[in-house]
Amino acid sequence: MSAMGGEKALQTNVASPPRARRPRASTSPWLPSLFGGDHQAWFNDPRFDGSFPSRVLPFLYLGNLNHASNAYMLHALGITHVVSVGECALVPPAHGQYEGSEGSSSCHVFPGKGNQGSLWIEEREGRIKVLDIKGVCDDGIDTLEPQLEPICDWIDKARAEGGQVLVHCRVGVSRSATVVIAYAMKHLNIPLVDAYLIVRSRRLSVLIQPNMRLLYNLCGWEIKLARERAGDDPHKLRFELARTLSWPYLAKEVHALNEKYLH
């Protein structure tokens, strides 16, 4: 065996020293007080179905009502802000199960509350901020058109504060998906189709399906953003509008895209 070969064999046989594990940083300063000695209590709770919200952007999650109701999981994921679209997760505990002091961050949940926590308590105590959008049903009649801009501004403010935002409705496929698509369009400066496909791909095993009224809202939102980008320049406006798809064509393509999954 050559000297070089022996050296290679020696290097192969010598085990490298084990790497020291880096301590896992707490995602929230309230985790120890919320979970006590067991930070995974919410994970073992029988009401937890094993699903998690989908991270669409580094600071933006899309999920359902169960996700928003599991306050301990929100803290474990580092979520600090919640946008509720038509479905409110702010459910007060039963009488006698909550005791809090006005102006203080201390609270006590009496036995029987379970291991998921309460978004109502977290919002009341100032640990999670909630934007509760009421009166929007997933019925193909209600619209999100007037709410899209203020919601996007609220999410932008949360991002500027270093927050993590969960947007949810009941299932996380229509109303909340519409909001996340609208935000992606504005934040990433991309067309509706691109934003739709990004959110669809990040939602993993859940098929997003904004109803036709909400999809039409997104078409209007795309035109609004195009006009804002163009300003007073008519040539730029024509260029921006050329990137958009007509409503009939978009509706047809989305139907074709989803048809094989819905039958």
C-alpha atoms as a PDB file:
ATOM      1  CA  MET A   1       0.000   0.000   0.000  1.00  0.00           C
ATOM      2  CA  SER A   2       1.375   3.413  -0.901  1.00  0.00           C
ATOM      3  CA  ALA A   3       1.949   6.059   1.721  1.00  0.00           C
ATOM      4  CA  MET A   4      -0.808   8.153   0.184  1.00  0.00           C
ATOM      5  CA  GLY A   5      -3.212   5.204   0.213  1.00  0.00           C
ATOM      6  CA  GLY A   6      -2.361   4.412   3.833  1.00  0.00           C
ATOM      7  CA  GLU A   7      -2.998   8.035   4.779  1.00  0.00           C
ATOM      8  CA  LYS A   8      -6.417   7.985   3.098  1.00  0.00           C
ATOM      9  CA  ALA A   9      -7.322   4.726   4.840  1.00  0.00           C
ATOM     10  CA  LEU A  10      -6.277   6.171   8.160  1.00  0.00           C
ATOM     11  CA  GLN A  11      -8.397   9.270   7.563  1.00  0.00           C
ATOM     12  CA  THR A  12     -11.365   7.078   6.645  1.00  0.00           C
ATOM     13  CA  ASN A  13     -11.091   4.884   9.741  1.00  0.00           C
ATOM     14  CA  VAL A  14     -10.642   7.661  12.255  1.00  0.00           C
ATOM     15  CA  ALA A  15     -14.058   8.675  13.580  1.00  0.00           C
ATOM     16  CA  SER A  16     -14.709  12.373  13.665  1.00  0.00           C
ATOM     17  CA  PRO A  17     -15.576  13.779  17.105  1.00  0.00           C
ATOM     18  CA  PRO A  18     -19.321  14.076  17.739  1.00  0.00           C
ATOM     19  CA  ARG A  19     -20.743  17.530  17.210  1.00  0.00           C
ATOM     20  CA  ALA A  20     -22.142  19.223  20.242  1.00  0.00           C
ATOM     21  CA  ARG A  21     -25.861  19.858  19.958  1.00  0.00           C
ATOM     22  CA  ARG A  22     -26.802  23.491  19.873  1.00  0.00           C
ATOM     23  CA  PRO A  23     -29.451  24.383  22.437  1.00  0.00           C
ATOM     24  CA  ARG A  24     -32.792  25.025  20.798  1.00  0.00           C
ATOM     25  CA  ALA A  25     -33.832  28.609  21.216  1.00  0.00           C
ATOM     26  CA  SER A  26     -37.246  29.343  22.626  1.00  0.00           C
ATOM     27  CA  THR A  27     -39.512  30.735  19.916  1.00  0.00           C
ATOM     28  CA  SER A  28     -41.395  32.876  22.396  1.00  0.00           C
ATOM     29  CA  PRO A  29     -40.483  34.534  25.700  1.00  0.00           C
ATOM     30  CA  TRP A  30     -43.730  33.233  27.214  1.00  0.00           C
ATOM     31  CA  LEU A  31     -43.138  29.532  26.547  1.00  0.00           C
ATOM     32  CA  PRO A  32     -41.817  28.581  30.017  1.00  0.00           C
ATOM     33  CA  SER A  33     -44.714  30.268  31.842  1.00  0.00           C
ATOM     34  CA  LEU A  34     -47.309  28.886  29.465  1.00  0.00           C
ATOM     35  CA  PHE A  35     -46.178  25.293  29.350  1.00  0.00           C
ATOM     36  CA  GLY A  36     -44.667  24.837  32.774  1.00  0.00           C
ATOM     37  CA  GLY A  37     -42.418  21.809  32.852  1.00  0.00           C
ATOM     38  CA  ASP A  38     -43.775  20.238  29.681  1.00  0.00           C
ATOM     39  CA  HIS A  39     -43.395  22.413  26.580  1.00  0.00           C
ATOM     40  CA  GLN A  40     -45.057  19.757  24.430  1.00  0.00           C
ATOM     41  CA  ALA A  41     -48.309  19.495  26.393  1.00  0.00           C
ATOM     42  CA  TRP A  42     -50.335  20.864  23.474  1.00  0.00           C
ATOM     43  CA  PHE A  43     -48.806  18.259  21.146  1.00  0.00           C
ATOM     44  CA  ASN A  44     -50.085  15.405  23.286  1.00  0.00           C
ATOM     45  CA  ASP A  45     -53.534  16.926  23.776  1.00  0.00           C
ATOM     46  CA  PRO A  46     -56.161  14.599  22.203  1.00  0.00           C
ATOM     47  CA  ARG A  47     -57.775  17.585  20.470  1.00  0.00           C
ATOM     48  CA  PHE A  48     -54.599  18.201  18.439  1.00  0.00           C
ATOM     49  CA  ASP A  49     -55.169  16.477  15.081  1.00  0.00           C
ATOM     50  CA  GLY A  50     -51.527  16.533  13.982  1.00  0.00           C
ATOM     51  CA  SER A  51     -51.891  19.296  11.374  1.00  0.00           C
ATOM     52  CA  PHE A  52     -49.954  22.537  11.363  1.00  0.00           C
ATOM     53  CA  PRO A  53     -50.498  25.844   9.595  1.00  0.00           C
ATOM     54  CA  SER A  54     -48.592  26.268   6.330  1.00  0.00           C
ATOM     55  CA  ARG A  55     -45.739  28.771   6.208  1.00  0.00           C
ATOM     56  CA  VAL A  56     -46.224  30.682   2.958  1.00  0.00           C
ATOM     57  CA  LEU A  57     -43.649  33.417   3.648  1.00  0.00           C
ATOM     58  CA  PRO A  58     -40.986  33.522   6.377  1.00  0.00           C
ATOM     59  CA  PHE A  59     -43.359  35.551   8.573  1.00  0.00           C
ATOM     60  CA  LEU A  60     -46.772  34.521   7.215  1.00  0.00           C
ATOM     61  CA  TYR A  61     -48.757  31.353   7.949  1.00  0.00           C
ATOM     62  CA  LEU A  62     -52.048  30.081   6.514  1.00  0.00           C
ATOM     63  CA  GLY A  63     -54.199  27.826   8.643  1.00  0.00           C
ATOM     64  CA  ASN A  64     -57.614  26.951  10.045  1.00  0.00           C
ATOM     65  CA  LEU A  65     -59.740  27.714  13.080  1.00  0.00           C
ATOM     66  CA  ASN A  66     -58.265  24.848  15.121  1.00  0.00           C
ATOM     67  CA  HIS A  67     -54.775  26.243  14.600  1.00  0.00           C
ATOM     68  CA  ALA A  68     -55.851  29.683  15.803  1.00  0.00           C
ATOM     69  CA  SER A  69     -57.587  28.166  18.834  1.00  0.00           C
ATOM     70  CA  ASN A  70     -54.438  26.329  19.943  1.00  0.00           C
ATOM     71  CA  ALA A  71     -52.637  29.239  21.619  1.00  0.00           C
ATOM     72  CA  TYR A  72     -49.812  27.098  22.962  1.00  0.00           C
ATOM     73  CA  MET A  73     -48.991  25.843  19.482  1.00  0.00           C
ATOM     74  CA  LEU A  74     -49.017  29.433  18.208  1.00  0.00           C
ATOM     75  CA  HIS A  75     -46.381  30.345  20.780  1.00  0.00           C
ATOM     76  CA  ALA A  76     -44.350  27.254  19.942  1.00  0.00           C
ATOM     77  CA  LEU A  77     -44.296  28.368  16.294  1.00  0.00           C
ATOM     78  CA  GLY A  78     -43.422  31.940  17.269  1.00  0.00           C
ATOM     79  CA  ILE A  79     -46.718  33.352  15.992  1.00  0.00           C
ATOM     80  CA  THR A  80     -47.451  36.749  17.546  1.00  0.00           C
ATOM     81  CA  HIS A  81     -50.335  38.021  15.391  1.00  0.00           C
ATOM     82  CA  VAL A  82     -53.550  36.366  14.177  1.00  0.00           C
ATOM     83  CA  VAL A  83     -55.913  37.496  11.416  1.00  0.00           C
ATOM     84  CA  SER A  84     -59.339  35.842  11.783  1.00  0.00           C
ATOM     85  CA  VAL A  85     -61.336  36.019   8.549  1.00  0.00           C
ATOM     86  CA  GLY A  86     -65.009  35.442   9.260  1.00  0.00           C
ATOM     87  CA  GLU A  87     -64.354  32.859  11.994  1.00  0.00           C
ATOM     88  CA  CYS A  88     -63.553  34.068  15.499  1.00  0.00           C
ATOM     89  CA  ALA A  89     -61.199  32.078  17.738  1.00  0.00           C
ATOM     90  CA  LEU A  90     -61.604  34.511  20.645  1.00  0.00           C
ATOM     91  CA  VAL A  91     -63.709  32.222  22.820  1.00  0.00           C
ATOM     92  CA  PRO A  92     -63.766  33.215  26.509  1.00  0.00           C
ATOM     93  CA  PRO A  93     -63.090  30.414  29.000  1.00  0.00           C
ATOM     94  CA  ALA A  94     -65.996  29.037  30.992  1.00  0.00           C
ATOM     95  CA  HIS A  95     -66.975  30.991  34.080  1.00  0.00           C
ATOM     96  CA  GLY A  96     -64.523  30.437  36.912  1.00  0.00           C
ATOM     97  CA  GLN A  97     -61.735  29.068  34.734  1.00  0.00           C
ATOM     98  CA  TYR A  98     -59.824  32.331  34.245  1.00  0.00           C
ATOM     99  CA  GLU A  99     -58.352  34.805  36.632  1.00  0.00           C
ATOM    100  CA  GLY A 100     -56.321  37.766  35.450  1.00  0.00           C
ATOM    101  CA  SER A 101     -55.180  41.074  36.869  1.00  0.00           C
ATOM    102  CA  GLU A 102     -55.911  44.309  35.036  1.00  0.00           C
ATOM    103  CA  GLY A 103     -52.793  45.753  33.417  1.00  0.00           C
ATOM    104  CA  SER A 104     -50.717  42.714  34.320  1.00  0.00           C
ATOM    105  CA  SER A 105     -49.312  39.945  32.141  1.00  0.00           C
ATOM    106  CA  SER A 106     -49.955  37.341  34.814  1.00  0.00           C
ATOM    107  CA  CYS A 107     -52.906  35.040  34.464  1.00  0.00           C
ATOM    108  CA  HIS A 108     -54.088  31.711  35.718  1.00  0.00           C
ATOM    109  CA  VAL A 109     -56.118  29.091  33.904  1.00  0.00           C
ATOM    110  CA  PHE A 110     -57.780  26.743  36.336  1.00  0.00           C
ATOM    111  CA  PRO A 111     -57.681  22.958  35.874  1.00  0.00           C
ATOM    112  CA  GLY A 112     -60.017  21.637  33.232  1.00  0.00           C
ATOM    113  CA  LYS A 113     -59.001  24.120  30.535  1.00  0.00           C
ATOM    114  CA  GLY A 114     -56.785  21.556  28.837  1.00  0.00           C
ATOM    115  CA  ASN A 115     -53.378  21.799  27.226  1.00  0.00           C
ATOM    116  CA  GLN A 116     -54.121  24.002  24.215  1.00  0.00           C
ATOM    117  CA  GLY A 117     -54.451  27.362  25.920  1.00  0.00           C
ATOM    118  CA  SER A 118     -56.831  30.109  24.896  1.00  0.00           C
ATOM    119  CA  LEU A 119     -56.361  32.754  22.213  1.00  0.00           C
ATOM    120  CA  TRP A 120     -58.878  34.891  24.110  1.00  0.00           C
ATOM    121  CA  ILE A 121     -56.579  34.904  27.154  1.00  0.00           C
ATOM    122  CA  GLU A 122     -53.445  35.529  25.084  1.00  0.00           C
ATOM    123  CA  GLU A 123     -55.079  38.476  23.318  1.00  0.00           C
ATOM    124  CA  ARG A 124     -56.494  39.844  26.571  1.00  0.00           C
ATOM    125  CA  GLU A 125     -53.098  39.641  28.265  1.00  0.00           C
ATOM    126  CA  GLY A 126     -51.337  41.273  25.285  1.00  0.00           C
ATOM    127  CA  ARG A 127     -49.236  38.310  24.227  1.00  0.00           C
ATOM    128  CA  ILE A 128     -50.891  37.788  20.822  1.00  0.00           C
ATOM    129  CA  LYS A 129     -52.494  40.542  18.726  1.00  0.00           C
ATOM    130  CA  VAL A 130     -55.684  39.649  16.870  1.00  0.00           C
ATOM    131  CA  LEU A 131     -57.383  41.287  13.893  1.00  0.00           C
ATOM    132  CA  ASP A 132     -60.925  39.904  13.858  1.00  0.00           C
ATOM    133  CA  ILE A 133     -62.652  40.413  10.480  1.00  0.00           C
ATOM    134  CA  LYS A 134     -66.360  39.836  11.010  1.00  0.00           C
ATOM    135  CA  GLY A 135     -69.265  39.329   8.635  1.00  0.00           C
ATOM    136  CA  VAL A 136     -67.473  37.452   5.860  1.00  0.00           C
ATOM    137  CA  CYS A 137     -69.073  34.087   5.094  1.00  0.00           C
ATOM    138  CA  ASP A 138     -67.766  31.633   2.524  1.00  0.00           C
ATOM    139  CA  ASP A 139     -71.050  31.681   0.636  1.00  0.00           C
ATOM    140  CA  GLY A 140     -70.097  33.198  -2.698  1.00  0.00           C
ATOM    141  CA  ILE A 141     -71.984  36.372  -1.736  1.00  0.00           C
ATOM    142  CA  ASP A 142     -69.853  38.138   0.890  1.00  0.00           C
ATOM    143  CA  THR A 143     -66.885  40.109  -0.372  1.00  0.00           C
ATOM    144  CA  LEU A 144     -63.403  40.847   0.956  1.00  0.00           C
ATOM    145  CA  GLU A 145     -62.787  43.751  -1.407  1.00  0.00           C
ATOM    146  CA  PRO A 146     -62.919  46.600   1.174  1.00  0.00           C
ATOM    147  CA  GLN A 147     -60.933  44.617   3.756  1.00  0.00           C
ATOM    148  CA  LEU A 148     -57.938  43.550   1.642  1.00  0.00           C
ATOM    149  CA  GLU A 149     -55.966  46.774   1.921  1.00  0.00           C
ATOM    150  CA  PRO A 150     -56.375  47.311   5.704  1.00  0.00           C
ATOM    151  CA  ILE A 151     -55.575  43.645   6.338  1.00  0.00           C
ATOM    152  CA  CYS A 152     -52.399  43.858   4.226  1.00  0.00           C
ATOM    153  CA  ASP A 153     -51.399  47.044   6.063  1.00  0.00           C
ATOM    154  CA  TRP A 154     -51.929  45.287   9.414  1.00  0.00           C
ATOM    155  CA  ILE A 155     -49.774  42.350   8.314  1.00  0.00           C
ATOM    156  CA  ASP A 156     -47.081  44.768   7.106  1.00  0.00           C
ATOM    157  CA  LYS A 157     -47.087  46.471  10.496  1.00  0.00           C
ATOM    158  CA  ALA A 158     -46.739  43.114  12.258  1.00  0.00           C
ATOM    159  CA  ARG A 159     -43.823  42.207   9.966  1.00  0.00           C
ATOM    160  CA  ALA A 160     -42.133  45.546  10.704  1.00  0.00           C
ATOM    161  CA  GLU A 161     -42.409  44.753  14.416  1.00  0.00           C
ATOM    162  CA  GLY A 162     -40.665  41.424  13.828  1.00  0.00           C
ATOM    163  CA  GLY A 163     -43.878  39.469  14.284  1.00  0.00           C
ATOM    164  CA  GLN A 164     -45.131  36.221  12.769  1.00  0.00           C
ATOM    165  CA  VAL A 165     -48.691  36.225  11.438  1.00  0.00           C
ATOM    166  CA  LEU A 166     -51.279  33.452  11.131  1.00  0.00           C
ATOM    167  CA  VAL A 167     -54.202  34.083   8.765  1.00  0.00           C
ATOM    168  CA  HIS A 168     -57.116  31.687   9.209  1.00  0.00           C
ATOM    169  CA  CYS A 169     -60.784  31.129   8.439  1.00  0.00           C
ATOM    170  CA  ARG A 170     -62.606  27.881   9.260  1.00  0.00           C
ATOM    171  CA  VAL A 171     -60.750  25.437   7.020  1.00  0.00           C
ATOM    172  CA  GLY A 172     -57.999  27.585   5.512  1.00  0.00           C
ATOM    173  CA  VAL A 173     -58.894  27.121   1.849  1.00  0.00           C
ATOM    174  CA  SER A 174     -61.068  30.039   0.738  1.00  0.00           C
ATOM    175  CA  ARG A 175     -61.335  33.251   2.774  1.00  0.00           C
ATOM    176  CA  SER A 176     -57.960  33.126   4.498  1.00  0.00           C
ATOM    177  CA  ALA A 177     -56.307  31.811   1.332  1.00  0.00           C
ATOM    178  CA  THR A 178     -57.704  34.853  -0.505  1.00  0.00           C
ATOM    179  CA  VAL A 179     -56.099  37.189   2.033  1.00  0.00           C
ATOM    180  CA  VAL A 180     -52.719  35.440   1.838  1.00  0.00           C
ATOM    181  CA  ILE A 181     -52.795  35.499  -1.979  1.00  0.00           C
ATOM    182  CA  ALA A 182     -53.617  39.218  -1.905  1.00  0.00           C
ATOM    183  CA  TYR A 183     -50.761  39.902   0.508  1.00  0.00           C
ATOM    184  CA  ALA A 184     -48.290  37.878  -1.570  1.00  0.00           C
ATOM    185  CA  MET A 185     -49.300  39.848  -4.668  1.00  0.00           C
ATOM    186  CA  LYS A 186     -48.565  43.141  -2.932  1.00  0.00           C
ATOM    187  CA  HIS A 187     -45.516  42.123  -0.900  1.00  0.00           C
ATOM    188  CA  LEU A 188     -43.753  40.206  -3.677  1.00  0.00           C
ATOM    189  CA  ASN A 189     -45.016  42.444  -6.499  1.00  0.00           C
ATOM    190  CA  ILE A 190     -46.238  39.468  -8.513  1.00  0.00           C
ATOM    191  CA  PRO A 191     -49.334  38.750 -10.638  1.00  0.00           C
ATOM    192  CA  LEU A 192     -52.384  36.988  -9.253  1.00  0.00           C
ATOM    193  CA  VAL A 193     -51.615  33.699 -11.009  1.00  0.00           C
ATOM    194  CA  ASP A 194     -48.090  33.565  -9.562  1.00  0.00           C
ATOM    195  CA  ALA A 195     -49.341  34.347  -6.052  1.00  0.00           C
ATOM    196  CA  TYR A 196     -52.118  31.759  -6.357  1.00  0.00           C
ATOM    197  CA  LEU A 197     -49.648  29.039  -7.360  1.00  0.00           C
ATOM    198  CA  ILE A 198     -47.200  29.965  -4.598  1.00  0.00           C
ATOM    199  CA  VAL A 199     -49.884  29.739  -1.914  1.00  0.00           C
ATOM    200  CA  ARG A 200     -51.277  26.562  -3.443  1.00  0.00           C
ATOM    201  CA  SER A 201     -47.870  24.880  -3.395  1.00  0.00           C
ATOM    202  CA  ARG A 202     -47.087  25.984   0.158  1.00  0.00           C
ATOM    203  CA  ARG A 203     -50.425  24.742   1.500  1.00  0.00           C
ATOM    204  CA  LEU A 204     -49.095  21.206   0.965  1.00  0.00           C
ATOM    205  CA  SER A 205     -51.851  18.593   1.395  1.00  0.00           C
ATOM    206  CA  VAL A 206     -54.700  21.116   1.532  1.00  0.00           C
ATOM    207  CA  LEU A 207     -56.221  22.326  -1.739  1.00  0.00           C
ATOM    208  CA  ILE A 208     -56.902  26.068  -1.630  1.00  0.00           C
ATOM    209  CA  GLN A 209     -60.182  26.989  -3.288  1.00  0.00           C
ATOM    210  CA  PRO A 210     -61.277  30.650  -3.012  1.00  0.00           C
ATOM    211  CA  ASN A 211     -64.910  30.868  -4.055  1.00  0.00           C
ATOM    212  CA  MET A 212     -65.712  32.675  -7.314  1.00  0.00           C
ATOM    213  CA  ARG A 213     -66.683  35.915  -5.589  1.00  0.00           C
ATOM    214  CA  LEU A 214     -63.387  36.064  -3.719  1.00  0.00           C
ATOM    215  CA  LEU A 215     -61.421  35.131  -6.816  1.00  0.00           C
ATOM    216  CA  TYR A 216     -63.158  38.025  -8.572  1.00  0.00           C
ATOM    217  CA  ASN A 217     -62.091  40.258  -5.655  1.00  0.00           C
ATOM    218  CA  LEU A 218     -58.506  39.207  -6.340  1.00  0.00           C
ATOM    219  CA  CYS A 219     -58.860  40.203  -9.990  1.00  0.00           C
ATOM    220  CA  GLY A 220     -59.947  43.659  -8.877  1.00  0.00           C
ATOM    221  CA  TRP A 221     -57.092  43.750  -6.357  1.00  0.00           C
ATOM    222  CA  GLU A 222     -54.622  42.966  -9.133  1.00  0.00           C
ATOM    223  CA  ILE A 223     -55.900  45.883 -11.219  1.00  0.00           C
ATOM    224  CA  LYS A 224     -55.749  48.185  -8.188  1.00  0.00           C
ATOM    225  CA  LEU A 225     -52.111  47.240  -7.527  1.00  0.00           C
ATOM    226  CA  ALA A 226     -51.294  47.717 -11.223  1.00  0.00           C
ATOM    227  CA  ARG A 227     -52.719  51.258 -11.146  1.00  0.00           C
ATOM    228  CA  GLU A 228     -50.733  52.047  -7.993  1.00  0.00           C
ATOM    229  CA  ARG A 229     -47.495  50.849  -9.582  1.00  0.00           C
ATOM    230  CA  ALA A 230     -48.139  52.774 -12.799  1.00  0.00           C
ATOM    231  CA  GLY A 231     -49.029  56.044 -11.148  1.00  0.00           C
ATOM    232  CA  ASP A 232     -49.729  58.709 -13.797  1.00  0.00           C
ATOM    233  CA  ASP A 233     -47.758  56.938 -16.526  1.00  0.00           C
ATOM    234  CA  PRO A 234     -50.228  55.588 -19.142  1.00  0.00           C
ATOM    235  CA  HIS A 235     -47.552  53.510 -20.893  1.00  0.00           C
ATOM    236  CA  LYS A 236     -46.597  51.778 -17.651  1.00  0.00           C
ATOM    237  CA  LEU A 237     -50.268  51.219 -16.869  1.00  0.00           C
ATOM    238  CA  ARG A 238     -50.784  49.442 -20.197  1.00  0.00           C
ATOM    239  CA  PHE A 239     -47.731  47.305 -19.451  1.00  0.00           C
ATOM    240  CA  GLU A 240     -48.988  46.436 -15.973  1.00  0.00           C
ATOM    241  CA  LEU A 241     -52.499  45.591 -17.170  1.00  0.00           C
ATOM    242  CA  ALA A 242     -51.048  43.408 -19.910  1.00  0.00           C
ATOM    243  CA  ARG A 243     -49.720  41.113 -17.169  1.00  0.00           C
ATOM    244  CA  THR A 244     -53.222  40.412 -15.875  1.00  0.00           C
ATOM    245  CA  LEU A 245     -55.572  37.680 -17.079  1.00  0.00           C
ATOM    246  CA  SER A 246     -59.195  38.283 -17.959  1.00  0.00           C
ATOM    247  CA  TRP A 247     -61.756  37.099 -15.413  1.00  0.00           C
ATOM    248  CA  PRO A 248     -63.392  34.462 -17.679  1.00  0.00           C
ATOM    249  CA  TYR A 249     -60.027  32.977 -18.646  1.00  0.00           C
ATOM    250  CA  LEU A 250     -58.797  32.901 -15.044  1.00  0.00           C
ATOM    251  CA  ALA A 251     -61.988  31.269 -13.752  1.00  0.00           C
ATOM    252  CA  LYS A 252     -61.799  28.633 -16.481  1.00  0.00           C
ATOM    253  CA  GLU A 253     -58.143  27.813 -15.783  1.00  0.00           C
ATOM    254  CA  VAL A 254     -58.616  27.582 -12.013  1.00  0.00           C
ATOM    255  CA  HIS A 255     -61.587  25.262 -12.542  1.00  0.00           C
ATOM    256  CA  ALA A 256     -59.505  23.075 -14.867  1.00  0.00           C
ATOM    257  CA  LEU A 257     -56.643  23.051 -12.374  1.00  0.00           C
ATOM    258  CA  ASN A 258     -58.841  21.885  -9.502  1.00  0.00           C
ATOM    259  CA  GLU A 259     -61.317  19.669 -11.355  1.00  0.00           C
ATOM    260  CA  LYS A 260     -59.408  16.409 -11.033  1.00  0.00           C
ATOM    261  CA  TYR A 261     -59.077  16.886  -7.264  1.00  0.00           C
ATOM    262  CA  LEU A 262     -62.764  17.638  -6.702  1.00  0.00           C
ATOM    263  CA  HIS A 263     -64.280  14.547  -8.335  1.00  0.00           C
END
